[in-house]
Amino acid sequence: MRKMRMMSAGLAVALSIMQVAPVYADAISELKQQKSATESQLSQVNSAIASLESQKAEILGQIDTMGQELAVTMASINTLTTQIDDKQEDITQTTSDLNAARKQENTEYEAMKKRIQYLYENGGDVSWSNMLFAQEDLSTLLSKAENTQKMYKYDRECLTQYAETVQQVSELKEQQEIEKAEFETMKNEQEEQKGDLEVLIDEAKAASVDYGKQIAQAEAVASEYQAVIAEQNEQIEILVEQQRAAEEAARKAAEEEARKEAERQAAAEEEAARQAAIEEAEAQQAAAAEQDVEAEAAELDEESYDDSEDVSYDDSSSDYDSDDTDYEAYDDEEDDDSYYEEEEEEEDYTPSSSGSATGQAIVDYATQFVGNPYVWGGNSLTNGIDCSGFVNQVYAHFGYSVARQSAALRSAGYGVSYSEAQPGDIICYSGHVAIYMGNGAIVHAADERSGIKISYNAAYQPILAVRRVV
């Protein structure tokens, strides 16, 4: 028997913990699902950040490459500018040399013309004949003639040389001008390339800035998701701790109730044993009394038999009737043995109220006061009331008498699980109560900020009990 009591107590403890666990398990599961969804969104944002950073890095690499190309282009432009300037100096010098050569050519040409003019003007047949006959000897004549010939040849060579010099200087100037034009063309091309590179660099920098802004925005979103995940983790830890505390409290309460129940059962067994002992003693007493009665009856029979010899038949008949009367009295005593029979006790259930309503009627009446103010300790459904007062007054409207304190309401009616909750049931929390509407919704006097309102998540905090009165 004791072993059975221990098994019953253990089963009661397990059932109490099982009633608490689903309340928290649903909330924890929902939070974990929300956390998983948030983590998935955070992963997507982090992937987007990584992609943006990769694109930004690529843009920065392009900017660096184009910057190097721009530096090379600018160096080339500077080199070409220097070459153009040097070439311009060469052209200037060549032009000066060309002008000097042409001037020298003209000077020599004019001098030669004057010498030739002089010779022709002072020459002729007479001049030559005078020169021939005026000379003392032939060698002098030949010497003069040779000098004259050399002078003609020199003039011709000088004129040819100056003409060639002019031609060479002209060709040099033309070549220098061509080279200068080529340098200028190359410079223009480099400057165009420089302009294109600068435009591309500006565009790339703008794109890099835009990527930076997108990354900053995505990082801000990621930070928000991380904060949400941290908050969800904290809420999960709180609920897990509350679940452990509730399970521990339920276990202790169940153990205490089991202990009390065991004590009650032990007392009942002890009382039953005591009653059994009393009944057995009474039965023994009854048996002894019956033996005494039988002995007395036997003695009376013997005495009646002895006396029958001295009395008449009528008297004997009278005695016999008297004896028969005694036996009838004894039979009556046997019929009274029902006194020792065990009476069955009938257990009566006394409800907490005498009202009459449906759960939906309770809900319909309660929702009429949505929007009215919350007042701690208040008792007016219109001017102000608290959570337990709200439940008390709504049920009182239908003739039900329930407790006025939230803790006491956990004992109202009888308990059901949250999965079995129906409209009109009382949902009990730690320090708070509400009326269940169905489909996970409740109507309750929430707080001073919200007043009486409808909430669509009855498990928004751990549910300690669900009580059914209606």
Protein backbone atom coordinates (compact mmCIF):
# COMPACT_ATOMS: atom_id res chain seq x y z
CA MET A 1 0.00 0.00 0.00
CA ARG A 2 2.82 2.41 0.86
CA LYS A 3 4.51 1.59 -2.44
CA MET A 4 1.32 2.43 -4.30
CA ARG A 5 1.08 5.75 -2.45
CA MET A 6 4.65 6.58 -3.46
CA MET A 7 3.89 5.71 -7.07
CA SER A 8 0.78 7.90 -7.00
CA ALA A 9 2.77 10.78 -5.52
CA GLY A 10 5.44 10.47 -8.23
CA LEU A 11 2.79 10.39 -10.92
CA ALA A 12 1.15 13.51 -9.48
CA VAL A 13 4.49 15.36 -9.49
CA ALA A 14 5.13 14.36 -13.11
CA LEU A 15 1.65 15.46 -14.17
CA SER A 16 2.07 18.83 -12.45
CA ILE A 17 5.36 19.46 -14.25
CA MET A 18 3.81 18.33 -17.54
CA GLN A 19 1.03 20.88 -17.12
CA VAL A 20 3.56 23.68 -16.62
CA ALA A 21 5.98 22.66 -19.39
CA PRO A 22 3.67 23.19 -22.44
CA VAL A 23 2.91 26.79 -21.40
CA TYR A 24 6.57 27.75 -21.56
CA ALA A 25 7.47 25.34 -24.36
CA ASP A 26 5.09 27.10 -26.76
CA ALA A 27 6.47 30.55 -25.92
CA ILE A 28 10.08 29.35 -26.11
CA SER A 29 9.42 27.56 -29.41
CA GLU A 30 7.82 30.68 -30.86
CA LEU A 31 10.76 32.84 -29.74
CA LYS A 32 13.23 30.35 -31.21
CA GLN A 33 11.35 30.43 -34.52
CA GLN A 34 11.43 34.23 -34.47
CA LYS A 35 15.14 34.13 -33.62
CA SER A 36 15.77 31.68 -36.50
CA ALA A 37 13.93 34.00 -38.89
CA THR A 38 15.94 36.98 -37.61
CA GLU A 39 19.20 35.05 -38.00
CA SER A 40 18.21 34.17 -41.56
CA GLN A 41 17.56 37.84 -42.32
CA LEU A 42 20.88 38.77 -40.67
CA SER A 43 22.66 36.17 -42.83
CA GLN A 44 21.09 37.68 -45.95
CA VAL A 45 22.17 41.17 -44.90
CA ASN A 46 25.71 39.97 -44.16
CA SER A 47 25.84 38.32 -47.60
CA ALA A 48 24.70 41.60 -49.15
CA ILE A 49 27.38 43.47 -47.16
CA ALA A 50 30.04 41.02 -48.35
CA SER A 51 28.89 41.44 -51.96
CA LEU A 52 28.88 45.25 -51.64
CA GLU A 53 32.34 45.23 -50.05
CA SER A 54 33.61 43.00 -52.86
CA GLN A 55 32.19 45.36 -55.47
CA LYS A 56 33.60 48.35 -53.61
CA ALA A 57 37.02 46.68 -53.43
CA GLU A 58 36.85 46.01 -57.18
CA ILE A 59 35.94 49.65 -57.81
CA LEU A 60 38.81 50.80 -55.58
CA GLY A 61 41.15 48.52 -57.51
CA GLN A 62 39.95 50.05 -60.76
CA ILE A 63 40.45 53.52 -59.29
CA ASP A 64 44.00 52.57 -58.30
CA THR A 65 44.74 51.14 -61.76
CA MET A 66 43.25 54.17 -63.51
CA GLY A 67 45.16 56.42 -61.12
CA GLN A 68 48.40 54.75 -62.16
CA GLU A 69 47.44 55.10 -65.82
CA LEU A 70 46.57 58.74 -65.19
CA ALA A 71 49.97 59.30 -63.55
CA VAL A 72 51.71 57.69 -66.53
CA THR A 73 49.59 59.78 -68.92
CA MET A 74 50.36 63.01 -67.05
CA ALA A 75 54.07 62.12 -67.01
CA SER A 76 53.88 61.46 -70.76
CA ILE A 77 52.10 64.80 -71.24
CA ASN A 78 54.83 66.56 -69.27
CA THR A 79 57.52 64.78 -71.29
CA LEU A 80 55.81 65.70 -74.57
CA THR A 81 55.39 69.27 -73.39
CA THR A 82 59.09 69.41 -72.65
CA GLN A 83 59.91 67.85 -76.00
CA ILE A 84 57.61 70.31 -77.76
CA ASP A 85 59.25 73.18 -75.93
CA ASP A 86 62.71 71.86 -76.79
CA LYS A 87 61.65 71.31 -80.36
CA GLN A 88 60.27 74.83 -80.49
CA GLU A 89 63.60 76.13 -79.27
CA ASP A 90 65.32 74.05 -81.95
CA ILE A 91 62.95 75.44 -84.58
CA THR A 92 63.58 78.96 -83.33
CA GLN A 93 67.31 78.38 -83.48
CA THR A 94 67.04 76.77 -86.88
CA THR A 95 64.91 79.64 -88.14
CA SER A 96 67.54 82.04 -86.84
CA ASP A 97 70.28 80.00 -88.51
CA LEU A 98 68.25 79.84 -91.70
CA ASN A 99 67.76 83.56 -91.69
CA ALA A 100 71.48 84.09 -91.06
CA ALA A 101 72.41 81.67 -93.84
CA ARG A 102 70.03 83.33 -96.23
CA LYS A 103 71.40 86.68 -95.22
CA GLN A 104 74.98 85.48 -95.68
CA GLU A 105 73.98 83.93 -98.98
CA ASN A 106 72.50 87.18 -100.15
CA THR A 107 75.52 89.13 -98.91
CA GLU A 108 77.95 86.87 -100.70
CA TYR A 109 75.74 86.82 -103.73
CA GLU A 110 75.67 90.61 -103.83
CA ALA A 111 79.48 90.80 -103.35
CA MET A 112 80.01 88.27 -106.10
CA LYS A 113 77.69 90.19 -108.37
CA LYS A 114 79.67 93.33 -107.69
CA ARG A 115 82.97 91.59 -108.41
CA ILE A 116 81.62 90.08 -111.59
CA GLN A 117 80.14 93.43 -112.54
CA TYR A 118 83.46 95.10 -111.87
CA LEU A 119 85.36 92.62 -113.98
CA TYR A 120 82.94 92.91 -116.85
CA GLU A 121 82.73 96.63 -116.57
CA ASN A 122 86.49 97.00 -116.46
CA GLY A 123 87.29 94.04 -118.64
CA GLY A 124 86.57 93.51 -122.38
CA ASP A 125 89.05 93.23 -125.23
CA VAL A 126 90.82 96.47 -124.34
CA SER A 127 91.18 95.59 -120.67
CA TRP A 128 92.51 92.18 -121.41
CA SER A 129 94.81 93.38 -124.10
CA ASN A 130 96.09 96.11 -121.82
CA MET A 131 96.65 93.57 -119.15
CA LEU A 132 98.51 91.33 -121.59
CA PHE A 133 100.71 94.04 -122.98
CA ALA A 134 101.10 95.89 -119.77
CA GLN A 135 102.70 93.01 -117.97
CA GLU A 136 106.40 92.74 -117.90
CA ASP A 137 106.53 88.98 -118.15
CA LEU A 138 104.27 86.07 -118.93
CA SER A 139 104.42 84.55 -115.47
CA THR A 140 102.92 87.64 -113.95
CA LEU A 141 100.21 87.61 -116.58
CA LEU A 142 99.47 83.98 -115.93
CA SER A 143 99.50 84.58 -112.22
CA LYS A 144 96.89 87.32 -112.56
CA ALA A 145 94.82 85.22 -114.88
CA GLU A 146 95.05 82.30 -112.45
CA ASN A 147 94.04 84.52 -109.55
CA THR A 148 91.10 85.78 -111.49
CA GLN A 149 90.08 82.22 -112.28
CA LYS A 150 90.44 81.22 -108.63
CA MET A 151 88.31 84.13 -107.61
CA TYR A 152 85.56 83.02 -110.01
CA LYS A 153 85.79 79.47 -108.70
CA TYR A 154 85.73 80.59 -105.06
CA ASP A 155 82.73 82.77 -105.65
CA ARG A 156 80.92 79.88 -107.33
CA GLU A 157 81.83 77.44 -104.54
CA CYS A 158 80.77 79.91 -101.85
CA LEU A 159 77.51 80.54 -103.62
CA THR A 160 76.90 76.80 -103.97
CA GLN A 161 77.84 76.18 -100.32
CA TYR A 162 75.56 78.90 -99.07
CA ALA A 163 72.76 77.61 -101.22
CA GLU A 164 73.25 74.11 -99.81
CA THR A 165 73.41 75.50 -96.28
CA VAL A 166 70.15 77.32 -96.83
CA GLN A 167 68.62 74.16 -98.21
CA GLN A 168 69.84 72.05 -95.28
CA VAL A 169 68.64 74.57 -92.72
CA SER A 170 65.27 74.77 -94.47
CA GLU A 171 64.94 70.99 -94.48
CA LEU A 172 65.97 70.86 -90.80
CA LYS A 173 63.36 73.45 -89.91
CA GLU A 174 60.72 71.56 -91.85
CA GLN A 175 61.69 68.29 -90.07
CA GLN A 176 61.63 70.01 -86.72
CA GLU A 177 58.21 71.44 -87.42
CA ILE A 178 56.97 67.98 -88.42
CA GLU A 179 58.38 66.49 -85.22
CA LYS A 180 56.84 69.29 -83.21
CA ALA A 181 53.46 68.62 -84.83
CA GLU A 182 53.79 64.93 -84.01
CA PHE A 183 54.62 65.78 -80.40
CA GLU A 184 51.63 68.09 -80.23
CA THR A 185 49.38 65.36 -81.68
CA MET A 186 50.68 62.88 -79.13
CA LYS A 187 50.19 65.43 -76.36
CA ASN A 188 46.60 66.05 -77.46
CA GLU A 189 45.93 62.32 -77.46
CA GLN A 190 47.44 61.99 -73.99
CA GLU A 191 45.40 64.93 -72.74
CA GLU A 192 42.23 63.34 -74.14
CA GLN A 193 43.18 60.09 -72.42
CA LYS A 194 43.86 62.05 -69.24
CA GLY A 195 40.39 63.62 -69.46
CA ASP A 196 38.77 60.23 -70.04
CA LEU A 197 40.65 58.73 -67.11
CA GLU A 198 39.66 61.60 -64.84
CA VAL A 199 35.98 61.11 -65.80
CA LEU A 200 36.23 57.36 -65.18
CA ILE A 201 38.00 57.93 -61.87
CA ASP A 202 35.32 60.42 -60.77
CA GLU A 203 32.57 57.96 -61.74
CA ALA A 204 34.36 55.13 -59.93
CA LYS A 205 34.83 57.29 -56.84
CA ALA A 206 31.13 58.19 -56.89
CA ALA A 207 30.27 54.48 -57.19
CA SER A 208 32.64 53.71 -54.32
CA VAL A 209 30.95 56.34 -52.16
CA ASP A 210 27.55 54.89 -53.08
CA TYR A 211 28.74 51.39 -52.15
CA GLY A 212 30.03 52.81 -48.88
CA LYS A 213 26.61 54.29 -48.11
CA GLN A 214 24.88 51.01 -48.98
CA ILE A 215 27.33 49.11 -46.79
CA ALA A 216 26.74 51.55 -43.91
CA GLN A 217 22.97 51.15 -44.26
CA ALA A 218 23.28 47.35 -44.43
CA GLU A 219 25.57 47.35 -41.38
CA ALA A 220 23.01 49.44 -39.51
CA VAL A 221 20.31 46.91 -40.40
CA ALA A 222 22.64 44.07 -39.36
CA SER A 223 23.23 45.81 -36.02
CA GLU A 224 19.48 46.06 -35.50
CA TYR A 225 19.07 42.36 -36.28
CA GLN A 226 21.92 41.52 -33.89
CA ALA A 227 20.22 43.58 -31.19
CA VAL A 228 16.93 41.76 -31.86
CA ILE A 229 18.71 38.38 -31.67
CA ALA A 230 20.37 39.39 -28.40
CA GLU A 231 16.99 40.45 -27.01
CA GLN A 232 15.40 37.20 -28.22
CA ASN A 233 18.21 35.20 -26.59
CA GLU A 234 17.64 37.11 -23.37
CA GLN A 235 13.89 36.46 -23.53
CA ILE A 236 14.51 32.76 -24.23
CA GLU A 237 16.88 32.57 -21.25
CA ILE A 238 14.30 34.33 -19.07
CA LEU A 239 11.54 31.96 -20.21
CA VAL A 240 13.77 28.93 -19.70
CA GLU A 241 14.62 30.17 -16.22
CA GLN A 242 10.95 30.88 -15.53
CA GLN A 243 10.08 27.43 -16.83
CA ARG A 244 12.65 25.87 -14.53
CA ALA A 245 11.36 27.93 -11.62
CA ALA A 246 7.74 27.08 -12.45
CA GLU A 247 8.56 23.39 -12.83
CA GLU A 248 10.45 23.48 -9.55
CA ALA A 249 7.55 25.28 -7.87
CA ALA A 250 5.08 22.83 -9.43
CA ARG A 251 7.27 19.94 -8.33
CA LYS A 252 7.47 21.26 -4.78
CA ALA A 253 3.75 22.01 -4.74
CA ALA A 254 2.98 18.57 -6.13
CA GLU A 255 5.32 16.95 -3.63
CA GLU A 256 3.67 18.90 -0.82
CA GLU A 257 0.22 17.96 -2.12
CA ALA A 258 1.38 14.35 -2.50
CA ARG A 259 2.72 14.43 1.03
CA LYS A 260 -0.57 15.81 2.32
CA GLU A 261 -2.48 13.29 0.24
CA ALA A 262 -0.28 10.51 1.59
CA GLU A 263 -0.93 11.76 5.11
CA ARG A 264 -4.65 11.86 4.36
CA GLN A 265 -4.53 8.37 2.92
CA ALA A 266 -2.51 7.13 5.89
CA ALA A 267 -4.96 8.77 8.27
CA ALA A 268 -7.84 7.28 6.30
CA GLU A 269 -6.23 3.86 6.43
CA GLU A 270 -5.55 4.28 10.12
CA GLU A 271 -9.16 5.37 10.66
CA ALA A 272 -10.35 2.43 8.55
CA ALA A 273 -8.21 0.08 10.62
CA ARG A 274 -9.58 1.63 13.78
CA GLN A 275 -13.14 1.30 12.51
CA ALA A 276 -12.42 -2.28 11.50
CA ALA A 277 -11.09 -2.99 14.99
CA ILE A 278 -14.17 -1.39 16.53
CA GLU A 279 -16.46 -3.38 14.24
CA GLU A 280 -14.57 -6.55 15.01
CA ALA A 281 -14.86 -5.84 18.75
CA GLU A 282 -18.54 -5.09 18.37
CA ALA A 283 -18.99 -8.26 16.34
CA GLN A 284 -17.23 -10.22 19.04
CA GLN A 285 -19.43 -8.56 21.65
CA ALA A 286 -22.51 -9.36 19.58
CA ALA A 287 -21.43 -12.98 19.23
CA ALA A 288 -20.88 -13.21 22.97
CA ALA A 289 -24.28 -11.62 23.58
CA GLU A 290 -25.88 -14.08 21.19
CA GLN A 291 -24.25 -16.95 23.05
CA ASP A 292 -25.55 -15.55 26.31
CA VAL A 293 -29.06 -15.23 24.85
CA GLU A 294 -28.92 -18.79 23.55
CA ALA A 295 -27.75 -19.99 26.96
CA GLU A 296 -30.53 -18.11 28.67
CA ALA A 297 -33.02 -19.50 26.17
CA ALA A 298 -31.81 -23.01 26.84
CA GLU A 299 -32.19 -22.48 30.56
CA LEU A 300 -35.69 -21.10 30.05
CA ASP A 301 -36.61 -24.12 27.93
CA GLU A 302 -35.29 -26.43 30.62
CA GLU A 303 -37.19 -24.58 33.34
CA SER A 304 -40.36 -24.54 31.25
CA TYR A 305 -40.02 -28.25 30.71
CA ASP A 306 -39.65 -28.85 34.41
CA ASP A 307 -42.60 -26.66 35.32
CA SER A 308 -44.85 -28.28 32.76
CA GLU A 309 -45.26 -31.23 35.00
CA ASP A 310 -46.92 -29.09 37.67
CA VAL A 311 -49.19 -26.92 35.60
CA SER A 312 -52.14 -27.52 33.36
CA TYR A 313 -51.99 -27.71 29.62
CA ASP A 314 -53.33 -24.23 29.25
CA ASP A 315 -50.62 -22.88 31.51
CA SER A 316 -48.03 -24.74 29.50
CA SER A 317 -49.49 -23.26 26.44
CA SER A 318 -49.27 -19.88 28.06
CA ASP A 319 -45.65 -20.49 29.00
CA TYR A 320 -44.92 -21.62 25.56
CA ASP A 321 -46.42 -18.49 24.17
CA SER A 322 -44.29 -16.49 26.56
CA ASP A 323 -41.19 -18.33 25.41
CA ASP A 324 -42.17 -17.74 21.86
CA THR A 325 -42.44 -14.09 22.62
CA ASP A 326 -38.92 -14.12 23.99
CA TYR A 327 -37.61 -15.71 20.84
CA GLU A 328 -39.37 -13.16 18.71
CA ALA A 329 -37.61 -10.45 20.71
CA TYR A 330 -34.31 -12.22 20.06
CA ASP A 331 -35.13 -12.34 16.38
CA ASP A 332 -35.72 -8.60 16.49
CA GLU A 333 -32.24 -8.17 17.94
CA GLU A 334 -30.81 -10.12 15.02
CA ASP A 335 -32.68 -7.85 12.61
CA ASP A 336 -31.00 -4.86 14.33
CA ASP A 337 -27.57 -6.21 13.37
CA SER A 338 -27.70 -3.76 10.45
CA TYR A 339 -26.33 -1.29 12.96
CA TYR A 340 -22.98 -2.91 12.45
CA GLU A 341 -23.12 -2.72 8.69
CA GLU A 342 -20.75 -0.13 7.09
CA GLU A 343 -22.54 2.84 5.53
CA GLU A 344 -21.22 4.22 2.25
CA GLU A 345 -20.39 7.92 2.30
CA GLU A 346 -21.40 9.97 -0.71
CA GLU A 347 -18.99 12.77 -1.67
CA ASP A 348 -20.77 16.05 -2.43
CA TYR A 349 -19.29 18.69 -4.82
CA THR A 350 -19.96 22.25 -3.77
CA PRO A 351 -19.52 24.70 -6.69
CA SER A 352 -17.92 28.11 -6.15
CA SER A 353 -20.97 29.90 -7.49
CA SER A 354 -24.60 29.50 -8.36
CA GLY A 355 -24.71 31.49 -11.58
CA SER A 356 -25.84 30.41 -15.03
CA ALA A 357 -24.25 31.56 -18.31
CA THR A 358 -22.25 30.37 -21.32
CA GLY A 359 -18.57 31.09 -21.85
CA GLN A 360 -19.36 33.10 -24.98
CA ALA A 361 -21.88 35.20 -23.03
CA ILE A 362 -19.12 35.96 -20.51
CA VAL A 363 -16.82 37.06 -23.37
CA ASP A 364 -19.51 39.16 -25.09
CA TYR A 365 -20.29 41.00 -21.88
CA ALA A 366 -16.61 41.54 -21.00
CA THR A 367 -15.71 43.02 -24.41
CA GLN A 368 -18.30 45.78 -23.94
CA PHE A 369 -15.88 47.51 -21.56
CA VAL A 370 -12.82 47.52 -23.86
CA GLY A 371 -11.24 50.97 -23.80
CA ASN A 372 -12.31 51.79 -20.24
CA PRO A 373 -9.57 52.81 -17.77
CA TYR A 374 -7.46 50.62 -15.50
CA VAL A 375 -7.41 51.60 -11.82
CA TRP A 376 -5.56 49.47 -9.30
CA GLY A 377 -8.01 48.35 -6.63
CA GLY A 378 -10.92 49.81 -8.61
CA ASN A 379 -14.28 48.08 -8.91
CA SER A 380 -16.03 50.03 -11.68
CA LEU A 381 -16.18 48.46 -15.13
CA THR A 382 -16.75 51.91 -16.61
CA ASN A 383 -14.76 54.29 -14.40
CA GLY A 384 -11.78 52.13 -13.51
CA ILE A 385 -10.94 48.60 -12.39
CA ASP A 386 -7.95 46.27 -12.10
CA CYS A 387 -7.44 42.80 -13.60
CA SER A 388 -8.88 40.66 -10.78
CA GLY A 389 -11.72 43.14 -10.21
CA PHE A 390 -12.57 42.96 -13.91
CA VAL A 391 -12.88 39.15 -13.78
CA ASN A 392 -14.79 39.33 -10.49
CA GLN A 393 -17.31 41.91 -11.74
CA VAL A 394 -17.89 40.23 -15.12
CA TYR A 395 -18.63 36.88 -13.50
CA ALA A 396 -20.72 38.57 -10.79
CA HIS A 397 -22.96 39.99 -13.55
CA PHE A 398 -24.02 36.42 -14.33
CA GLY A 399 -24.41 35.43 -10.68
CA TYR A 400 -21.03 33.75 -10.20
CA SER A 401 -19.08 34.49 -7.05
CA VAL A 402 -15.34 34.25 -7.67
CA ALA A 403 -12.34 35.59 -5.74
CA ARG A 404 -11.24 39.23 -5.94
CA GLN A 405 -7.50 38.49 -5.85
CA SER A 406 -5.52 37.18 -8.84
CA ALA A 407 -3.72 34.53 -6.76
CA ALA A 408 -6.99 33.27 -5.27
CA LEU A 409 -8.54 33.00 -8.74
CA ARG A 410 -6.12 30.15 -9.48
CA SER A 411 -8.39 28.01 -7.30
CA ALA A 412 -11.69 29.10 -8.88
CA GLY A 413 -13.78 26.36 -10.55
CA TYR A 414 -11.59 23.54 -11.80
CA GLY A 415 -8.38 23.47 -13.82
CA VAL A 416 -7.94 22.61 -17.50
CA SER A 417 -4.91 22.71 -19.76
CA TYR A 418 -4.29 25.71 -22.01
CA SER A 419 -4.82 23.50 -25.08
CA GLU A 420 -8.33 22.76 -23.76
CA ALA A 421 -9.15 26.39 -22.95
CA GLN A 422 -12.59 27.63 -24.06
CA PRO A 423 -14.19 31.09 -24.24
CA GLY A 424 -15.02 32.29 -20.73
CA ASP A 425 -12.17 30.43 -18.98
CA ILE A 426 -9.94 32.38 -16.58
CA ILE A 427 -6.28 32.61 -17.64
CA CYS A 428 -4.01 33.05 -14.59
CA TYR A 429 -0.53 34.57 -14.79
CA SER A 430 1.93 35.66 -12.15
CA GLY A 431 0.14 38.66 -10.57
CA HIS A 432 -2.39 38.97 -13.40
CA VAL A 433 -5.61 37.37 -14.72
CA ALA A 434 -7.61 37.57 -17.95
CA ILE A 435 -10.72 36.13 -19.62
CA TYR A 436 -10.05 33.78 -22.54
CA MET A 437 -11.89 34.68 -25.79
CA GLY A 438 -10.81 31.75 -27.95
CA ASN A 439 -8.29 31.51 -30.83
CA GLY A 440 -5.46 32.58 -28.51
CA ALA A 441 -7.08 35.95 -27.61
CA ILE A 442 -7.86 37.38 -24.17
CA VAL A 443 -9.74 40.40 -22.81
CA HIS A 444 -8.29 41.91 -19.63
CA ALA A 445 -7.62 45.06 -17.64
CA ALA A 446 -3.99 45.28 -18.73
CA ASP A 447 -2.41 48.35 -17.14
CA GLU A 448 -2.83 52.10 -16.63
CA ARG A 449 -1.47 52.82 -20.10
CA SER A 450 -3.69 50.38 -22.02
CA GLY A 451 -6.75 50.04 -19.79
CA ILE A 452 -9.20 47.27 -20.65
CA LYS A 453 -8.15 45.78 -23.98
CA ILE A 454 -8.02 42.69 -26.17
CA SER A 455 -4.67 40.92 -26.62
CA TYR A 456 -4.26 38.35 -29.37
CA ASN A 457 -1.52 36.27 -27.75
CA ALA A 458 -2.74 34.70 -24.52
CA ALA A 459 0.71 33.16 -23.99
CA TYR A 460 2.47 36.52 -24.08
CA GLN A 461 3.73 35.61 -20.61
CA PRO A 462 3.90 32.27 -18.77
CA ILE A 463 0.44 30.88 -17.95
CA LEU A 464 0.24 29.48 -14.42
CA ALA A 465 -3.30 28.07 -14.59
CA VAL A 466 -6.47 27.89 -16.68
CA ARG A 467 -9.64 27.73 -14.53
CA ARG A 468 -13.14 26.91 -15.72
CA VAL A 469 -16.09 28.26 -13.75
CA VAL A 470 -18.83 28.23 -16.40
